[in-house]
Protein backbone atom coordinates (compact mmCIF):
# COMPACT_ATOMS: atom_id res chain seq x y z
CA MET A 1 9.60 -54.61 17.73
CA THR A 2 6.99 -55.72 20.18
CA ALA A 3 3.36 -54.75 20.04
CA GLU A 4 3.86 -52.67 23.18
CA THR A 5 6.76 -50.73 21.63
CA PHE A 6 4.73 -50.21 18.48
CA SER A 7 1.80 -48.92 20.54
CA ASP A 8 4.11 -46.57 22.49
CA ASN A 9 5.57 -45.26 19.23
CA GLN A 10 2.07 -44.70 17.84
CA SER A 11 1.11 -42.75 20.96
CA LEU A 12 4.24 -40.58 20.70
CA LEU A 13 3.58 -39.99 17.03
CA GLN A 14 0.00 -38.93 17.74
CA GLU A 15 1.16 -36.58 20.51
CA ASN A 16 3.72 -35.03 18.17
CA GLU A 17 1.08 -34.60 15.47
CA ILE A 18 -1.23 -32.90 17.97
CA HIS A 19 1.55 -30.53 19.06
CA MET A 20 2.43 -29.80 15.43
CA ASP A 21 -1.23 -29.13 14.62
CA MET A 22 -1.51 -26.78 17.60
CA ASN A 23 1.68 -24.94 16.60
CA CYS A 24 0.49 -24.65 13.00
CA LYS A 25 -2.88 -23.38 14.19
CA LYS A 26 -1.19 -20.74 16.38
CA ASP A 27 1.06 -19.69 13.49
CA LEU A 28 -1.92 -19.51 11.15
CA GLU A 29 -3.89 -17.40 13.63
CA ALA A 30 -0.93 -15.04 14.07
CA LEU A 31 -0.47 -14.67 10.31
CA THR A 32 -4.19 -14.15 9.79
CA SER A 33 -4.17 -11.42 12.42
CA GLU A 34 -1.19 -9.73 10.75
CA ILE A 35 -2.91 -9.86 7.37
CA GLU A 36 -6.13 -8.42 8.79
CA GLU A 37 -4.19 -5.55 10.40
CA GLY A 38 -2.40 -4.96 7.10
CA TRP A 39 -5.70 -4.76 5.22
CA LYS A 40 -7.09 -2.33 7.80
CA HIS A 41 -4.06 -0.14 7.19
CA VAL A 42 -4.58 -0.35 3.41
CA GLU A 43 -8.27 0.50 3.76
CA ARG A 44 -7.44 3.52 5.94
CA LYS A 45 -4.97 4.72 3.32
CA LYS A 46 -7.57 4.20 0.59
CA GLY A 47 -10.08 6.22 2.59
CA LYS A 48 -7.60 9.05 3.07
CA ARG A 49 -6.78 9.01 -0.64
CA LYS A 50 -10.48 9.13 -1.57
CA ASN A 51 -11.00 12.07 0.78
CA ASN A 52 -7.98 13.82 -0.72
CA GLU A 53 -9.34 13.17 -4.23
CA LYS A 54 -12.73 14.59 -3.24
CA GLU A 55 -11.08 17.67 -1.74
CA THR A 56 -8.92 18.14 -4.83
CA ASN A 57 -11.92 17.74 -7.13
CA GLN A 58 -13.89 20.26 -5.07
CA GLU A 59 -10.97 22.71 -5.15
CA MET A 60 -10.74 22.33 -8.95
CA MET A 61 -14.49 22.92 -9.31
CA ASP A 62 -14.22 26.01 -7.09
CA LEU A 63 -11.33 27.32 -9.19
CA ASN A 64 -13.30 26.72 -12.39
CA ILE A 65 -16.28 28.60 -10.97
CA LYS A 66 -14.05 31.50 -9.93
CA ASN A 67 -12.37 31.48 -13.34
CA ASN A 68 -15.76 31.53 -15.07
CA ASP A 69 -16.88 34.41 -12.86
CA VAL A 70 -13.73 36.36 -13.70
CA ASN A 71 -14.23 35.71 -17.42
CA GLU A 72 -17.87 36.81 -17.23
CA ASN A 73 -16.88 40.00 -15.43
CA LYS A 74 -14.27 40.72 -18.11
CA ASP A 75 -16.89 40.20 -20.82
CA HIS A 76 -19.29 42.62 -19.10
CA GLU A 77 -16.56 45.23 -18.67
CA GLN A 78 -15.73 45.21 -22.36
């Protein structure tokens, strides 16, 4: 192998490495974007669940208040 052939091979190898790095970077960016979108979806679901829990808790408190009012009215009637 001549020095010129070796140099040409080195240049090709470097070009291939650059292309591989660029492809890996693009793949990494695409995966990162997918993961970020996935987390946004999870956070939205968490937010909806928290709102549902708050609504359910409020409904239970309202029912307890109504139940207490009914019990107090029964006590007064007796």
